[in-house]
Each structure stands twice: as C-alpha cells, then as structure tokens.
Protein backbone atom coordinates (compact mmCIF):
# COMPACT_ATOMS: atom_id res chain seq x y z
CA MET A 1 21.78 -7.53 29.81
CA SER A 2 24.76 -7.65 27.45
CA VAL A 3 25.82 -4.95 25.03
CA VAL A 4 24.87 -7.06 22.02
CA GLN A 5 21.38 -7.54 23.45
CA VAL A 6 21.06 -3.77 23.74
CA VAL A 7 22.02 -3.37 20.09
CA SER A 8 19.72 -6.25 19.15
CA ALA A 9 16.82 -4.46 20.83
CA ILE A 10 17.58 -1.18 19.05
CA GLY A 11 18.46 -2.60 15.65
CA ALA A 12 15.32 -4.76 15.53
CA ILE A 13 13.02 -1.76 15.99
CA PRO A 14 12.78 -0.77 12.29
CA LEU A 15 12.40 -4.41 11.22
CA PHE A 16 9.40 -5.06 13.49
CA SER A 17 7.84 -1.75 12.52
CA ILE A 18 7.68 -3.03 8.92
CA ARG A 19 6.68 -6.67 9.43
CA THR A 20 5.13 -8.53 12.37
CA PHE A 21 6.31 -12.13 11.93
CA PHE A 22 9.15 -12.13 9.38
CA PRO A 23 11.76 -10.54 11.72
CA ALA A 24 10.72 -12.96 14.49
CA PHE A 25 11.24 -15.89 12.11
CA LEU A 26 14.68 -14.61 11.09
CA MET A 27 15.67 -14.09 14.71
CA ALA A 28 14.57 -17.61 15.70
CA LEU A 29 16.36 -19.03 12.66
CA LEU A 30 19.53 -17.17 13.63
CA LEU A 31 19.48 -18.53 17.16
CA ALA A 32 18.72 -22.10 16.07
CA PHE A 33 21.06 -22.18 13.04
CA PRO A 34 23.61 -19.34 13.39
CA ASN A 35 26.01 -20.80 10.82
CA LEU A 36 23.48 -20.12 8.06
CA PHE A 37 24.04 -16.37 8.42
CA PRO A 38 26.97 -14.30 7.19
CA GLY A 39 28.97 -12.38 9.75
CA MET A 40 28.88 -15.18 12.31
CA ALA A 41 31.97 -16.73 13.86
CA ASP A 42 32.94 -20.14 12.47
CA ASP A 43 32.48 -21.76 15.88
CA ALA A 44 29.15 -20.09 16.64
CA GLN A 45 26.95 -22.38 18.71
CA ALA A 46 23.18 -22.58 18.48
CA VAL A 47 20.98 -22.21 21.53
CA GLU A 48 20.36 -25.34 23.56
CA THR A 49 17.98 -27.94 22.12
CA GLY A 50 15.46 -27.40 24.90
CA SER A 51 15.38 -23.66 24.38
CA PHE A 52 12.15 -22.08 23.23
CA PHE A 53 13.77 -20.60 20.12
CA ALA A 54 15.25 -23.96 19.11
CA LYS A 55 11.88 -25.75 18.90
CA ASN A 56 11.04 -26.88 15.37
CA TRP A 57 7.33 -26.19 15.77
CA LEU A 58 8.07 -22.54 16.55
CA LEU A 59 10.26 -22.13 13.45
CA ILE A 60 7.58 -23.79 11.31
CA LEU A 61 4.80 -21.65 12.83
CA LEU A 62 6.74 -18.40 12.37
CA GLY A 63 7.64 -19.47 8.84
CA ILE A 64 3.99 -20.09 7.95
CA LEU A 65 2.89 -16.81 9.54
CA SER A 66 5.65 -14.99 7.62
CA ILE A 67 4.45 -16.49 4.32
CA LEU A 68 0.83 -15.53 5.09
CA GLU A 69 1.99 -12.03 6.03
CA PHE A 70 4.04 -11.85 2.82
CA ILE A 71 1.03 -12.86 0.67
CA GLY A 72 -1.50 -10.73 2.57
CA ASP A 73 0.59 -7.60 2.14
CA LYS A 74 0.34 -8.02 -1.63
CA VAL A 75 -3.49 -8.17 -1.65
CA PRO A 76 -5.10 -4.72 -1.10
CA GLU A 77 -8.29 -6.19 0.45
CA ILE A 78 -6.35 -8.15 3.09
CA LYS A 79 -3.77 -5.40 3.57
CA SER A 80 -6.44 -2.79 4.35
CA VAL A 81 -7.73 -5.00 7.19
CA ILE A 82 -4.45 -6.09 8.83
CA LYS A 83 -2.85 -2.64 8.68
CA GLU A 84 -5.38 -1.44 11.29
CA ALA A 85 -4.11 -4.04 13.80
CA GLU A 86 -0.41 -3.89 12.91
CA PRO A 87 0.52 -0.92 15.15
CA TYR A 88 -0.53 -3.10 18.12
CA LEU A 89 0.63 -6.53 16.92
CA LYS A 90 4.13 -5.40 15.98
CA PRO A 91 5.17 -4.05 19.42
CA ALA A 92 3.82 -7.26 21.01
CA SER A 93 5.82 -9.41 18.59
CA TYR A 94 8.93 -7.31 19.17
CA LEU A 95 8.62 -7.53 22.96
CA ALA A 96 8.01 -11.30 22.89
CA VAL A 97 11.11 -11.92 20.80
CA GLU A 98 13.40 -9.55 22.68
CA MET A 99 12.30 -10.86 26.08
CA GLY A 100 12.87 -14.36 24.73
CA LEU A 101 16.47 -13.46 23.95
CA VAL A 102 17.03 -12.64 27.60
CA THR A 103 15.23 -15.58 29.17
CA GLU A 104 16.10 -18.38 26.76
CA GLY A 105 19.87 -18.17 26.68
CA GLY A 106 20.02 -16.52 23.29
CA SER A 107 22.89 -14.34 24.46
CA GLU A 108 25.32 -17.23 23.87
CA VAL A 109 24.67 -16.83 20.15
CA LEU A 110 24.31 -13.06 20.18
CA ASN A 111 27.70 -12.61 21.83
CA GLN A 112 29.33 -14.03 18.67
CA VAL A 113 27.57 -11.66 16.27
CA GLN A 114 29.60 -8.82 14.79
CA TRP A 115 27.44 -5.90 15.96
CA ALA A 116 28.19 -2.37 17.03
CA GLY A 117 26.77 -1.24 20.37
CA PHE A 118 26.77 0.94 23.47
CA ASP A 119 26.04 0.57 27.19
CA PRO A 120 22.66 -1.10 27.89
CA MET A 121 19.84 0.56 29.84
CA ILE A 122 17.14 -1.08 31.91
CA LEU A 123 14.30 0.77 30.13
CA LEU A 124 15.47 -0.22 26.68
CA TYR A 125 12.64 -2.63 25.93
CA ILE A 126 10.01 -0.08 26.93
CA PHE A 127 11.67 2.36 24.55
CA GLY A 128 11.76 -0.35 21.87
CA VAL A 129 8.04 -1.12 22.18
CA LEU A 130 7.13 2.56 21.98
CA ALA A 131 9.49 3.07 19.02
CA VAL A 132 8.02 0.10 17.13
CA TYR A 133 4.50 1.40 17.77
CA THR A 134 5.46 4.91 16.61
CA LEU A 135 7.19 3.73 13.44
CA ALA A 136 4.40 1.24 12.67
CA SER A 137 1.84 4.05 13.07
CA LEU A 138 3.86 6.28 10.73
CA ARG A 139 4.00 3.42 8.24
CA LYS A 140 0.20 3.08 8.47
CA GLN A 141 -0.18 6.81 7.76
CA PHE A 142 2.12 6.41 4.77
CA LEU A 143 0.02 3.50 3.44
CA ASP A 144 -3.16 5.54 4.00
CA PHE A 145 -1.56 8.36 2.01
CA LEU A 146 -0.72 5.97 -0.85
CA GLU A 147 -4.27 4.59 -0.68
CA ASP A 148 -5.64 8.09 -1.19
CA ILE A 149 -3.51 8.43 -4.32
CA ASP A 150 -4.09 4.94 -5.75
CA GLU A 151 -6.73 3.21 -3.63
CA ASP A 152 -6.97 -0.04 -5.61
CA ASP A 153 -3.26 -0.16 -6.47
CA ASN A 154 -3.96 0.31 -10.16
CA MET A 155 -0.45 1.65 -10.72
CA TYR A 156 1.07 -1.14 -8.59
CA ILE A 157 2.65 1.42 -6.24
CA GLY A 158 1.55 -0.63 -3.24
CA GLN A 159 3.02 -3.81 -4.75
CA ILE A 160 6.38 -2.12 -5.32
CA ILE A 161 6.43 -0.70 -1.79
CA SER A 162 5.55 -4.12 -0.36
CA TRP A 163 8.39 -5.85 -2.22
CA LEU A 164 10.81 -3.13 -1.12
CA GLU A 165 9.73 -3.61 2.49
CA ASP A 166 10.26 -7.37 2.27
CA SER A 167 13.75 -6.76 0.92
CA LEU A 168 14.44 -4.18 3.62
CA VAL A 169 13.52 -6.63 6.38
CA LEU A 170 15.64 -9.43 4.93
CA PHE A 171 18.73 -7.39 4.10
CA GLY A 172 18.15 -5.15 7.10
CA PHE A 173 18.41 -8.21 9.30
CA LEU A 174 21.77 -9.06 7.73
CA LEU A 175 22.81 -5.44 8.18
CA LEU A 176 21.73 -5.72 11.81
CA ILE A 177 24.11 -8.63 12.21
CA TRP A 178 27.00 -6.63 10.79
CA ALA A 179 26.22 -3.22 12.27
CA GLY A 180 23.11 -2.79 14.43
CA ILE A 181 23.38 0.94 14.97
CA THR A 182 23.80 1.56 11.23
CA MET A 183 20.42 -0.06 10.62
CA VAL A 184 18.73 2.30 13.07
CA ILE A 185 20.37 5.36 11.48
CA ILE A 186 19.38 4.32 7.94
CA TYR A 187 15.77 3.66 8.88
CA GLY A 188 15.65 6.86 10.91
CA ILE A 189 16.72 8.83 7.84
CA ILE A 190 14.04 7.13 5.72
CA ILE A 191 11.31 7.94 8.26
CA ALA A 192 12.54 11.53 8.59
CA LEU A 193 12.40 12.01 4.81
CA PHE A 194 8.88 10.56 4.72
CA VAL A 195 7.65 12.85 7.51
CA TYR A 196 9.16 15.87 5.73
CA TRP A 197 7.61 14.85 2.39
CA ARG A 198 4.21 14.20 3.98
CA ARG A 199 4.10 17.55 5.77
CA LYS A 200 5.26 19.35 2.65
CA ASN A 201 2.55 17.65 0.60
CA GLU A 202 -0.16 18.48 3.18
CA LYS A 203 0.94 22.11 3.15
CA LYS A 204 0.91 22.16 -0.64
CA LEU A 205 -2.61 20.70 -0.79
CA GLU A 206 -3.85 23.33 1.66
CA GLN A 207 -2.20 26.13 -0.34
CA GLN A 208 -3.86 24.92 -3.54
CA LYS A 209 -7.36 25.49 -2.17
CA ILE A 210 -9.19 28.45 -3.66
CA GLY A 211 -11.37 30.82 -1.65
CA CYS A 212 -14.99 31.24 -2.71
CA SER A 213 -15.70 34.74 -4.09
CA ASN A 214 -19.03 34.79 -2.27
CA CYS A 215 -18.40 33.36 1.24
CA GLY A 216 -14.62 32.95 1.37
CA ASN A 217 -14.79 29.19 2.07
CA LYS A 218 -11.68 27.31 0.94
CA ASN A 219 -12.53 24.78 -1.79
CA ALA A 220 -10.52 22.19 -3.67
CA PRO A 221 -8.99 23.62 -6.87
CA PHE A 222 -11.20 21.21 -8.90
CA ALA A 223 -14.49 22.40 -7.32
CA ILE A 224 -17.23 23.52 -9.70
CA ARG A 225 -19.32 25.02 -6.90
CA CYS A 226 -18.57 26.07 -3.33
CA SER A 227 -19.24 23.34 -0.79
CA GLU A 228 -20.53 25.94 1.69
CA CYS A 229 -22.79 28.33 -0.25
CA GLY A 230 -23.13 26.64 -3.66
CA GLN A 231 -21.68 29.59 -5.59
CA ASP A 232 -20.24 28.75 -9.03
CA GLN A 233 -16.45 28.89 -8.99
CA THR A 234 -14.77 31.06 -11.62
CA ILE A 235 -11.40 29.25 -11.50
CA ILE A 236 -11.51 25.46 -11.89
CA PHE A 237 -8.39 23.39 -12.47
CA GLU A 238 -8.18 20.02 -14.17
CA ILE A 239 -7.59 16.95 -11.99
CA GLY A 240 -4.66 14.67 -12.86
CA THR A 241 -4.34 10.89 -13.03
CA LEU A 242 -3.18 10.65 -9.41
CA GLY A 243 -5.71 13.20 -8.17
CA GLN A 244 -3.23 16.07 -8.30
CA LYS A 245 -3.95 19.58 -9.53
CA LYS A 246 -2.97 20.19 -13.14
CA ASN A 247 -2.02 23.62 -14.41
CA GLU A 248 -4.73 23.59 -17.11
CA LEU A 249 -8.10 25.23 -16.47
CA VAL A 250 -11.29 23.25 -17.16
CA SER A 251 -12.84 23.86 -20.57
CA ASP A 252 -15.43 21.03 -20.59
CA LEU A 253 -17.51 20.90 -17.40
CA VAL A 254 -19.26 17.63 -18.28
CA LYS A 255 -15.94 15.88 -18.88
CA HIS A 256 -14.54 17.42 -15.70
CA GLN A 257 -17.50 16.07 -13.70
CA PHE A 258 -16.78 12.62 -15.13
CA ASN A 259 -13.12 12.92 -14.12
CA LEU A 260 -14.09 13.93 -10.59
CA THR A 261 -16.48 11.00 -10.29
CA SER A 262 -13.78 8.67 -11.63
CA HIS A 263 -11.57 9.74 -8.70
CA ARG A 264 -14.49 9.19 -6.29
CA ARG A 265 -14.88 12.88 -5.68
CA CYS A 266 -18.09 14.87 -5.59
CA ALA A 267 -18.91 16.11 -9.11
CA ASN A 268 -20.08 19.37 -7.59
CA CYS A 269 -17.67 20.51 -4.82
CA ALA A 270 -14.84 18.01 -5.57
CA GLU A 271 -14.65 16.75 -1.96
CA LYS A 272 -13.28 13.23 -1.49
CA LEU A 273 -16.09 10.70 -0.93
CA PRO A 274 -15.32 8.29 1.93
CA SER A 275 -17.69 5.49 0.96
CA ARG A 276 -17.29 3.08 -1.98
CA SER A 277 -21.04 2.98 -2.49
CA PRO A 278 -22.32 4.70 -5.65
CA ASN A 279 -25.62 5.35 -3.88
CA GLN A 280 -24.44 8.19 -1.67
CA VAL A 281 -24.85 11.92 -1.15
CA CYS A 282 -21.89 14.25 -0.62
CA SER A 283 -21.71 15.21 3.06
CA ALA A 284 -20.24 18.63 2.19
CA CYS A 285 -22.75 19.94 -0.37
CA ASN A 286 -25.55 17.29 -0.38
CA HIS A 287 -25.01 16.55 -4.06
CA GLN A 288 -26.40 13.21 -5.28
CA LEU A 289 -23.50 11.21 -6.71
CA PHE A 290 -25.27 9.14 -9.36
CA ASP A 291 -28.66 10.29 -10.57
CA GLN A 292 -30.02 8.69 -13.73
CA ALA A 293 -28.40 11.21 -16.09
CA ALA A 294 -25.00 11.10 -14.33
CA LEU A 295 -24.99 7.30 -14.36
CA ALA A 296 -25.73 7.16 -18.08
CA GLU A 297 -23.01 9.74 -18.83
CA PHE A 298 -20.50 7.89 -16.64
CA LYS A 299 -21.01 4.56 -18.42
CA LYS A 300 -21.14 6.19 -21.87
CA ARG A 301 -17.73 7.84 -21.44
CA LEU A 302 -16.17 4.64 -20.13
CA ASN A 303 -17.60 2.70 -23.08
CA ARG A 304 -15.93 5.17 -25.45
CA LYS A 305 -12.62 4.67 -23.65
CA PHE A 306 -13.10 0.92 -23.91
CA TYR A 307 -13.47 0.92 -27.72
CA LYS A 308 -10.38 3.10 -28.09
CA LEU A 309 -8.44 0.82 -25.76
CA LEU A 310 -9.33 -2.26 -27.80
CA VAL A 311 -7.65 -0.72 -30.83
CA PHE A 312 -4.66 0.38 -28.74
CA SER A 313 -4.33 -3.09 -27.16
CA PHE A 314 -4.43 -4.82 -30.54
CA LEU A 315 -1.69 -2.61 -32.00
CA ILE A 316 0.65 -2.60 -29.01
CA GLY A 317 0.05 -6.34 -28.55
CA PHE A 318 2.38 -6.99 -31.50
CA ILE A 319 5.25 -6.14 -29.12
CA PRO A 320 5.90 -9.40 -27.22
CA ILE A 321 5.32 -9.34 -23.43
CA ILE A 322 5.91 -5.60 -23.01
CA GLY A 323 2.94 -4.76 -25.23
CA PHE A 324 0.61 -6.91 -23.12
CA MET A 325 1.92 -5.43 -19.85
CA VAL A 326 1.57 -1.83 -21.06
CA SER A 327 -1.95 -2.51 -22.27
CA ALA A 328 -2.95 -4.15 -18.96
CA VAL A 329 -1.56 -1.33 -16.80
CA TYR A 330 -3.07 1.38 -19.00
CA ALA A 331 -6.48 -0.32 -18.85
CA ASN A 332 -6.17 -0.76 -15.10
CA ILE A 333 -5.63 2.97 -14.54
CA TYR A 334 -7.90 4.60 -17.09
CA LEU A 335 -10.65 2.04 -17.69
CA PHE A 336 -11.18 -0.31 -14.74
CA ALA A 337 -10.34 2.04 -11.83
CA PRO A 338 -13.45 4.28 -12.19
CA TYR A 339 -15.71 1.22 -11.77
CA ARG A 340 -13.60 -0.40 -9.05
CA LYS A 341 -13.75 2.70 -6.86
CA TYR A 342 -17.49 2.04 -6.36
CA ILE A 343 -17.30 -1.69 -5.64
CA SER A 344 -16.95 -2.82 -2.02
CA ARG A 345 -13.71 -4.57 -1.09
CA ARG A 346 -15.63 -7.62 0.06
CA GLY A 347 -17.52 -7.80 -3.20
CA SER A 348 -14.36 -7.43 -5.29
CA PHE A 349 -12.11 -9.88 -3.43
CA ALA A 350 -13.27 -13.08 -5.18
CA THR A 351 -13.35 -11.20 -8.49
CA LYS A 352 -9.74 -10.10 -8.03
CA ILE A 353 -8.60 -13.66 -7.29
CA PHE A 354 -10.25 -14.81 -10.52
CA ILE A 355 -8.67 -11.91 -12.41
CA ARG A 356 -5.20 -12.80 -11.08
CA ILE A 357 -5.60 -16.30 -12.50
CA LEU A 358 -6.91 -14.79 -15.73
CA THR A 359 -3.94 -12.41 -15.87
CA PHE A 360 -1.42 -15.22 -15.58
CA PHE A 361 -3.11 -17.22 -18.34
CA PHE A 362 -3.30 -14.31 -20.76
CA PHE A 363 0.22 -13.16 -19.88
CA VAL A 364 1.54 -16.54 -21.01
CA LEU A 365 -0.60 -16.32 -24.14
CA GLY A 366 0.61 -12.76 -24.70
CA ILE A 367 4.23 -13.90 -25.05
CA ALA A 368 3.52 -15.02 -28.61
CA LEU A 369 0.00 -13.78 -29.37
CA GLY A 370 -0.16 -10.44 -27.59
CA PHE A 371 -2.23 -8.80 -30.35
CA ILE A 372 -4.99 -11.30 -29.51
CA ALA A 373 -4.42 -11.76 -25.77
CA ALA A 374 -4.23 -8.04 -24.89
CA PRO A 375 -7.62 -6.91 -26.32
CA VAL A 376 -9.43 -10.09 -25.20
CA TYR A 377 -8.00 -9.77 -21.69
CA CYS A 378 -8.99 -6.09 -21.46
CA ALA A 379 -12.49 -6.83 -22.79
CA MET A 380 -13.08 -9.62 -20.27
CA ARG A 381 -11.87 -7.53 -17.33
CA TYR A 382 -13.87 -4.51 -18.45
CA TYR A 383 -17.17 -6.40 -18.57
CA ILE A 384 -16.41 -8.11 -15.24
CA TRP A 385 -15.91 -4.79 -13.44
CA LYS A 386 -18.76 -3.09 -15.29
CA SER A 387 -21.10 -5.91 -14.29
CA LYS A 388 -20.04 -5.67 -10.64
CA PHE A 389 -20.60 -1.90 -10.73
CA GLU A 390 -24.08 -2.24 -12.26
CA ASP A 391 -25.04 -4.75 -9.55
CA ASN A 392 -25.11 -1.80 -7.13
CA PHE A 393 -28.17 -0.42 -8.92
CA GLN A 394 -30.14 -3.64 -9.07
CA PRO A 395 -33.36 -3.60 -7.00
C-alpha cells in the first residue's frame, strides 16, 4: 500500500460520510480521466482500459446513482427514508472504492496526485469503514435534530444544508487531491463544532424544564398542566416559531393551545407527539389531540391567518420576484405547516410534486404579476393542504 493510498483512504472518509455514490463517481472519473482534474501532473495516465474503474458502464451507473441521490436528498419524503440506511450503505461504498484502488491498479494514477500523507498502516481500511459509519451516524443525528426543528422543511433549512453538502463533496474532493490531510482536519473541526453545539442545546433544553409545584415532575416550559399529575402550571412560556422557548409568559391559553398543536405538541402537557396522525392521544398525559371543539378552533384560527395573508400577499406582490418569494415562505411557515404536520409523508408526496410544479409556474408569473400570482398561489396551496388534513376525519 502506497502513501498516497493511505491518504486517499483517510481523506475520502468525510466525503463518503456525506454522500454514498457521488464520491465514488468522482473517484472513478479521476482514475479514468485524470487530466480533467486540477492538481494532476500533465503526463498523468489513466488506469488501463480493462480496469474495473475504467469501464464506461460503471461511470454511467455511478453518475445516474449520484443524480438520484442528489435529487432524493432535496425531497424530505425520500430523504427521511434513505437516511435510515445511509449509515450502512456509506461504509460499504467507501470500502468497495478503496479496495478497488488497491486491486485495480489505481495507484498508477494516485501516485501522480499532489497529496500530503504519512506512513500507511494495514488496518487503515477498517479504521476508514468505522470512521465513515461514525460520521454518517452523527450526520443522521444532525438531520434528525433539524427535522425536530423544521420537520417539513418549511424554512428550507434542509434544502440549504443539502446544497452545502453537495458543494462540500465536490470541492472537498478537489481539496483531497491537493491536500488529503487538510480535508480530514477541516471536516473533523466541523463535526466537533456540531457535537459541541448539539450537547449544549440538549443541556439548555433540559435546563429550561420547569418542576411541577405538586409532584416535582419536570415539564416543558410551554406545558399548561403537568404530564404526571395533571396539576395546572403557574408559569407557562410562549413557544417560538422554531419550537424554542420565548421569554414572554402566556396570556391567552386558547391561543397558546393552538400554537402547541401547530407544532405537533400536546395542547395540555406540551410533549412532542411522535405520530403525524391527528387522531391520537398523548402518551404522557392521555390528552385527546383533536376533539370536536379543538378541531373547530384549530381550523378557525388558520382561516383567520389565511385572510390576513391574502392581503399581505397582494401588497408585497407588487415587489417583483422578491415579493412572491417572501409571501410563499411566510405562508409555508405560518399557514401551511400546521396542516402539513398532521398529513402522512406518503399521503403528501404526490401533493408536494404537484405543488413544486405549481410553484414554478406561479414564480414565473410572479416576475411581472406578483400582486396576482402571490395571493392566488397561497390560496391554492392553502386549500390543497386543508383538504388533505380534513381527509383524516372522513369516515
């Protein structure tokens, strides 16, 4: 095993922990067409024609899988499924590629890459597989954390993270060519910062819980009643847009119950509800989520928001492009999200595809006629999601 292969194995770890197929495609492309990449020697030679990595069908297959992976990571319904398997697929993909570099003569190309390195070790690939699995598992925890904050990606946080990850894999691969160890250090720092932030946030959430005056049970700061004994809580904080604790105390209990329900929390003890079904009972306090009165109040308050948003969308729609985008994002967060939290992912997938097409059409229309496109677009989306929500209560 050469030094550059050692650095290849180490430097590829963060790339495969982010994506399963894209790094493999880039690696195969490098070995088959090294002159396409910066940092290569002018006389760099590709692997032999008969080599596994030089086969056109493999490049095409990896390219197609990379595109599917790229698209799937942008769709929350698909992403939520594949992320469960990624911690196992990514180490397998990493091992297959790195073992291929040893057995298929890829070292002839790798020896001409300007990488930094150190003495190789025989257990390097075992370390690499374990490292990819660990980092991929940490990434999954990070995505789960983001999902708790913005489950349906209403604020497009998941989209932004996905695009950043795609860029990190692409430019990280080029960085790997120039300085393999540097790539490992950079990604290690990013992971370390995430772990620190995550632990700090978990500690903060635990510290925010308030003890019940009757039984001492720790409840969420938004809880109206204790989840253990049912005692009314004397201190109740408002819940923010991202589910965070606000510094203001609750003054309107009915409105606060609506806000809790909108975040898919129990309207009684404020515990997070795991299921997307509106026909459920809180496992902590046995509170019925939607009885007849709660359902009517929930829809009434959203209808009020809808009428206000129509006026807002019409006025801000006079600002070309930006007005339409602001209106769409605002509606996504404050108007559609409460309904979408109670619609199954399977039931909403086809609807979201239709809405994406609808969004593109109205975005184009909004370039010149935003004051018309923005309110019409919001109205159509509102009634689509409202209808899907109401289907849950049909006999």
